[in-house]
Amino acid sequence: MNGTKTLLLREYIMTHDLKVLTDYIRDELGYDGPLDPDTDLLEERILDSFSVVQMVVYIQSEFGIEFEPEELVLENLSRLSGMLALIEKYKG
């Protein structure tokens, strides 16, 4: 696959994965406001500590991955962009 096709495929997958995460927040957690990938979801009170744990369990189940304990930090879990980076790391 050439570089352009690879890049387009990665962008499509990232967009799809973002939709999976935002759908979960909307459907399971009941949030209906705007969701930007770089918004701090904890600071904005979209997620709380319990819902972060729920998100981790969901992500691991949905994407068939298992995070290492040291990856379960605010830097990776407070923003959708951080969650997407973790997912991308495992889907590689």
N, C-alpha and C. Protein backbone atom coordinates (compact mmCIF):
# COMPACT_ATOMS: atom_id res chain seq x y z
N MET A 1 0.85 -1.18 0.00
CA MET A 1 0.00 0.00 0.00
C MET A 1 0.89 1.23 0.00
N ASN A 2 0.60 2.19 -0.86
CA ASN A 2 1.44 3.38 -0.90
C ASN A 2 1.15 4.29 0.29
N GLY A 3 2.01 5.29 0.47
CA GLY A 3 1.91 6.17 1.63
C GLY A 3 0.60 6.91 1.75
N THR A 4 0.06 7.39 0.63
CA THR A 4 -1.19 8.14 0.66
C THR A 4 -2.35 7.24 1.08
N LYS A 5 -2.41 6.04 0.52
CA LYS A 5 -3.48 5.11 0.89
C LYS A 5 -3.37 4.71 2.35
N THR A 6 -2.15 4.49 2.82
CA THR A 6 -1.94 4.13 4.22
C THR A 6 -2.40 5.25 5.14
N LEU A 7 -2.06 6.47 4.79
CA LEU A 7 -2.46 7.63 5.59
C LEU A 7 -3.98 7.78 5.61
N LEU A 8 -4.61 7.63 4.46
CA LEU A 8 -6.07 7.74 4.39
C LEU A 8 -6.75 6.64 5.20
N LEU A 9 -6.21 5.44 5.16
CA LEU A 9 -6.76 4.34 5.94
C LEU A 9 -6.63 4.62 7.44
N ARG A 10 -5.49 5.12 7.86
CA ARG A 10 -5.28 5.45 9.28
C ARG A 10 -6.24 6.55 9.72
N GLU A 11 -6.44 7.56 8.88
CA GLU A 11 -7.37 8.63 9.21
C GLU A 11 -8.79 8.10 9.32
N TYR A 12 -9.17 7.20 8.42
CA TYR A 12 -10.51 6.59 8.48
C TYR A 12 -10.68 5.80 9.77
N ILE A 13 -9.68 5.02 10.12
CA ILE A 13 -9.75 4.20 11.34
C ILE A 13 -9.84 5.10 12.56
N MET A 14 -9.02 6.15 12.61
CA MET A 14 -9.06 7.07 13.75
C MET A 14 -10.43 7.74 13.86
N THR A 15 -11.01 8.13 12.73
CA THR A 15 -12.33 8.75 12.73
C THR A 15 -13.37 7.76 13.23
N HIS A 16 -13.28 6.53 12.77
CA HIS A 16 -14.19 5.48 13.22
C HIS A 16 -14.04 5.24 14.73
N ASP A 17 -12.82 5.12 15.20
CA ASP A 17 -12.58 4.88 16.62
C ASP A 17 -13.08 6.05 17.47
N LEU A 18 -12.90 7.27 16.99
CA LEU A 18 -13.41 8.44 17.69
C LEU A 18 -14.93 8.37 17.79
N LYS A 19 -15.58 7.97 16.72
CA LYS A 19 -17.04 7.85 16.73
C LYS A 19 -17.48 6.78 17.73
N VAL A 20 -16.76 5.67 17.80
CA VAL A 20 -17.07 4.61 18.76
C VAL A 20 -17.02 5.18 20.19
N LEU A 21 -15.97 5.95 20.49
CA LEU A 21 -15.83 6.52 21.84
C LEU A 21 -16.89 7.58 22.13
N THR A 22 -17.14 8.46 21.17
CA THR A 22 -18.15 9.51 21.42
C THR A 22 -19.55 8.91 21.52
N ASP A 23 -19.83 7.88 20.71
CA ASP A 23 -21.13 7.20 20.83
C ASP A 23 -21.30 6.59 22.21
N TYR A 24 -20.24 6.01 22.74
CA TYR A 24 -20.31 5.42 24.08
C TYR A 24 -20.62 6.50 25.12
N ILE A 25 -19.92 7.61 25.04
CA ILE A 25 -20.15 8.70 26.01
C ILE A 25 -21.59 9.20 25.91
N ARG A 26 -22.08 9.33 24.71
CA ARG A 26 -23.45 9.81 24.52
C ARG A 26 -24.49 8.77 24.96
N ASP A 27 -24.32 7.53 24.49
CA ASP A 27 -25.33 6.49 24.73
C ASP A 27 -25.29 5.93 26.14
N GLU A 28 -24.12 5.68 26.66
CA GLU A 28 -24.00 5.02 27.96
C GLU A 28 -23.90 5.99 29.13
N LEU A 29 -23.32 7.16 28.88
CA LEU A 29 -23.13 8.12 29.97
C LEU A 29 -24.10 9.29 29.89
N GLY A 30 -24.85 9.38 28.78
CA GLY A 30 -25.90 10.37 28.66
C GLY A 30 -25.46 11.79 28.38
N TYR A 31 -24.22 11.98 27.93
CA TYR A 31 -23.75 13.32 27.62
C TYR A 31 -24.17 13.69 26.21
N ASP A 32 -24.77 14.88 26.03
CA ASP A 32 -25.22 15.26 24.70
C ASP A 32 -24.61 16.56 24.19
N GLY A 33 -23.60 17.06 24.87
CA GLY A 33 -22.94 18.29 24.44
C GLY A 33 -21.83 18.01 23.45
N PRO A 34 -21.08 19.05 23.09
CA PRO A 34 -19.98 18.89 22.14
C PRO A 34 -18.84 18.05 22.72
N LEU A 35 -18.20 17.27 21.86
CA LEU A 35 -17.07 16.44 22.28
C LEU A 35 -15.90 16.66 21.32
N ASP A 36 -14.92 17.42 21.76
CA ASP A 36 -13.71 17.65 20.99
C ASP A 36 -12.65 16.67 21.50
N PRO A 37 -11.87 16.08 20.61
CA PRO A 37 -10.87 15.09 21.04
C PRO A 37 -9.85 15.62 22.05
N ASP A 38 -9.61 16.93 22.06
CA ASP A 38 -8.61 17.49 22.96
C ASP A 38 -9.18 18.14 24.22
N THR A 39 -10.49 18.05 24.40
CA THR A 39 -11.11 18.58 25.62
C THR A 39 -10.78 17.67 26.79
N ASP A 40 -10.42 18.26 27.92
CA ASP A 40 -10.19 17.48 29.14
C ASP A 40 -11.57 17.10 29.69
N LEU A 41 -11.92 15.84 29.53
CA LEU A 41 -13.25 15.36 29.89
C LEU A 41 -13.50 15.36 31.39
N LEU A 42 -12.44 15.25 32.17
CA LEU A 42 -12.58 15.31 33.63
C LEU A 42 -12.74 16.75 34.10
N GLU A 43 -11.92 17.62 33.57
CA GLU A 43 -11.99 19.04 33.93
C GLU A 43 -13.35 19.64 33.58
N GLU A 44 -13.88 19.21 32.44
CA GLU A 44 -15.18 19.71 31.99
C GLU A 44 -16.36 18.96 32.62
N ARG A 45 -16.04 18.00 33.47
CA ARG A 45 -17.05 17.19 34.19
C ARG A 45 -17.95 16.38 33.27
N ILE A 46 -17.39 16.00 32.13
CA ILE A 46 -18.08 15.10 31.22
C ILE A 46 -17.91 13.67 31.74
N LEU A 47 -16.71 13.39 32.24
CA LEU A 47 -16.42 12.11 32.89
C LEU A 47 -16.03 12.37 34.33
N ASP A 48 -16.25 11.36 35.18
CA ASP A 48 -15.72 11.38 36.53
C ASP A 48 -14.85 10.13 36.69
N SER A 49 -14.30 9.92 37.86
CA SER A 49 -13.37 8.80 38.03
C SER A 49 -14.04 7.46 37.75
N PHE A 50 -15.29 7.30 38.13
CA PHE A 50 -16.00 6.05 37.88
C PHE A 50 -16.24 5.85 36.39
N SER A 51 -16.65 6.90 35.68
CA SER A 51 -16.91 6.75 34.25
C SER A 51 -15.61 6.54 33.46
N VAL A 52 -14.47 7.01 33.98
CA VAL A 52 -13.20 6.73 33.33
C VAL A 52 -12.92 5.22 33.39
N VAL A 53 -13.17 4.63 34.56
CA VAL A 53 -13.00 3.18 34.70
C VAL A 53 -13.94 2.45 33.74
N GLN A 54 -15.18 2.91 33.65
CA GLN A 54 -16.13 2.30 32.72
C GLN A 54 -15.61 2.40 31.28
N MET A 55 -15.05 3.55 30.92
CA MET A 55 -14.51 3.75 29.57
C MET A 55 -13.36 2.78 29.30
N VAL A 56 -12.48 2.61 30.28
CA VAL A 56 -11.35 1.70 30.11
C VAL A 56 -11.85 0.28 29.86
N VAL A 57 -12.80 -0.16 30.65
CA VAL A 57 -13.36 -1.51 30.48
C VAL A 57 -14.00 -1.63 29.10
N TYR A 58 -14.76 -0.62 28.70
CA TYR A 58 -15.40 -0.62 27.39
C TYR A 58 -14.37 -0.67 26.26
N ILE A 59 -13.37 0.18 26.32
CA ILE A 59 -12.35 0.23 25.27
C ILE A 59 -11.66 -1.12 25.13
N GLN A 60 -11.26 -1.69 26.26
CA GLN A 60 -10.57 -2.98 26.21
C GLN A 60 -11.46 -4.05 25.59
N SER A 61 -12.73 -4.05 25.94
CA SER A 61 -13.66 -5.03 25.39
C SER A 61 -13.95 -4.77 23.92
N GLU A 62 -14.25 -3.54 23.59
CA GLU A 62 -14.64 -3.17 22.22
C GLU A 62 -13.51 -3.40 21.22
N PHE A 63 -12.29 -3.07 21.62
CA PHE A 63 -11.16 -3.14 20.70
C PHE A 63 -10.29 -4.38 20.90
N GLY A 64 -10.64 -5.21 21.86
CA GLY A 64 -9.90 -6.44 22.09
C GLY A 64 -8.46 -6.21 22.52
N ILE A 65 -8.26 -5.22 23.38
CA ILE A 65 -6.91 -4.89 23.85
C ILE A 65 -6.91 -4.91 25.37
N GLU A 66 -5.72 -4.94 25.95
CA GLU A 66 -5.58 -4.87 27.40
C GLU A 66 -4.45 -3.90 27.73
N PHE A 67 -4.81 -2.86 28.44
CA PHE A 67 -3.82 -1.84 28.80
C PHE A 67 -2.92 -2.34 29.92
N GLU A 68 -1.71 -1.83 29.92
CA GLU A 68 -0.78 -2.07 31.02
C GLU A 68 -1.15 -1.12 32.16
N PRO A 69 -0.97 -1.54 33.41
CA PRO A 69 -1.33 -0.67 34.54
C PRO A 69 -0.72 0.73 34.46
N GLU A 70 0.53 0.82 34.00
CA GLU A 70 1.20 2.13 33.96
C GLU A 70 0.62 3.05 32.89
N GLU A 71 -0.20 2.52 32.00
CA GLU A 71 -0.84 3.35 30.97
C GLU A 71 -2.14 3.98 31.47
N LEU A 72 -2.63 3.52 32.60
CA LEU A 72 -3.90 4.01 33.13
C LEU A 72 -3.69 5.25 33.98
N VAL A 73 -3.29 6.33 33.29
CA VAL A 73 -3.00 7.61 33.94
C VAL A 73 -3.84 8.70 33.26
N LEU A 74 -4.02 9.80 33.97
CA LEU A 74 -4.83 10.91 33.45
C LEU A 74 -4.37 11.39 32.09
N GLU A 75 -3.08 11.43 31.88
CA GLU A 75 -2.54 11.88 30.59
C GLU A 75 -3.13 11.08 29.43
N ASN A 76 -3.38 9.81 29.63
CA ASN A 76 -3.92 8.95 28.57
C ASN A 76 -5.44 8.87 28.57
N LEU A 77 -6.08 9.17 29.70
CA LEU A 77 -7.50 8.88 29.83
C LEU A 77 -8.41 10.08 30.02
N SER A 78 -7.86 11.27 30.15
CA SER A 78 -8.72 12.43 30.39
C SER A 78 -9.20 13.08 29.09
N ARG A 79 -8.59 12.72 27.97
CA ARG A 79 -8.99 13.27 26.66
C ARG A 79 -9.23 12.14 25.67
N LEU A 80 -10.16 12.35 24.77
CA LEU A 80 -10.40 11.35 23.73
C LEU A 80 -9.14 11.14 22.89
N SER A 81 -8.38 12.19 22.66
CA SER A 81 -7.15 12.05 21.87
C SER A 81 -6.16 11.11 22.56
N GLY A 82 -6.08 11.15 23.88
CA GLY A 82 -5.21 10.24 24.62
C GLY A 82 -5.70 8.80 24.53
N MET A 83 -7.01 8.62 24.63
CA MET A 83 -7.58 7.28 24.50
C MET A 83 -7.33 6.73 23.10
N LEU A 84 -7.49 7.59 22.09
CA LEU A 84 -7.25 7.17 20.71
C LEU A 84 -5.79 6.78 20.49
N ALA A 85 -4.88 7.50 21.11
CA ALA A 85 -3.45 7.18 20.98
C ALA A 85 -3.17 5.81 21.57
N LEU A 86 -3.76 5.50 22.71
CA LEU A 86 -3.60 4.18 23.31
C LEU A 86 -4.16 3.09 22.41
N ILE A 87 -5.35 3.31 21.90
CA ILE A 87 -5.96 2.34 21.00
C ILE A 87 -5.07 2.11 19.78
N GLU A 88 -4.58 3.19 19.20
CA GLU A 88 -3.72 3.12 18.02
C GLU A 88 -2.45 2.33 18.33
N LYS A 89 -1.90 2.54 19.51
CA LYS A 89 -0.69 1.83 19.92
C LYS A 89 -0.90 0.32 19.86
N TYR A 90 -2.04 -0.13 20.32
CA TYR A 90 -2.31 -1.57 20.35
C TYR A 90 -2.80 -2.13 19.03
N LYS A 91 -3.46 -1.32 18.27
CA LYS A 91 -3.95 -1.78 16.97
C LYS A 91 -2.83 -1.76 15.93
N GLY A 92 -1.86 -0.82 16.18
CA GLY A 92 -0.69 -0.62 15.36
C GLY A 92 -0.77 -1.11 14.02
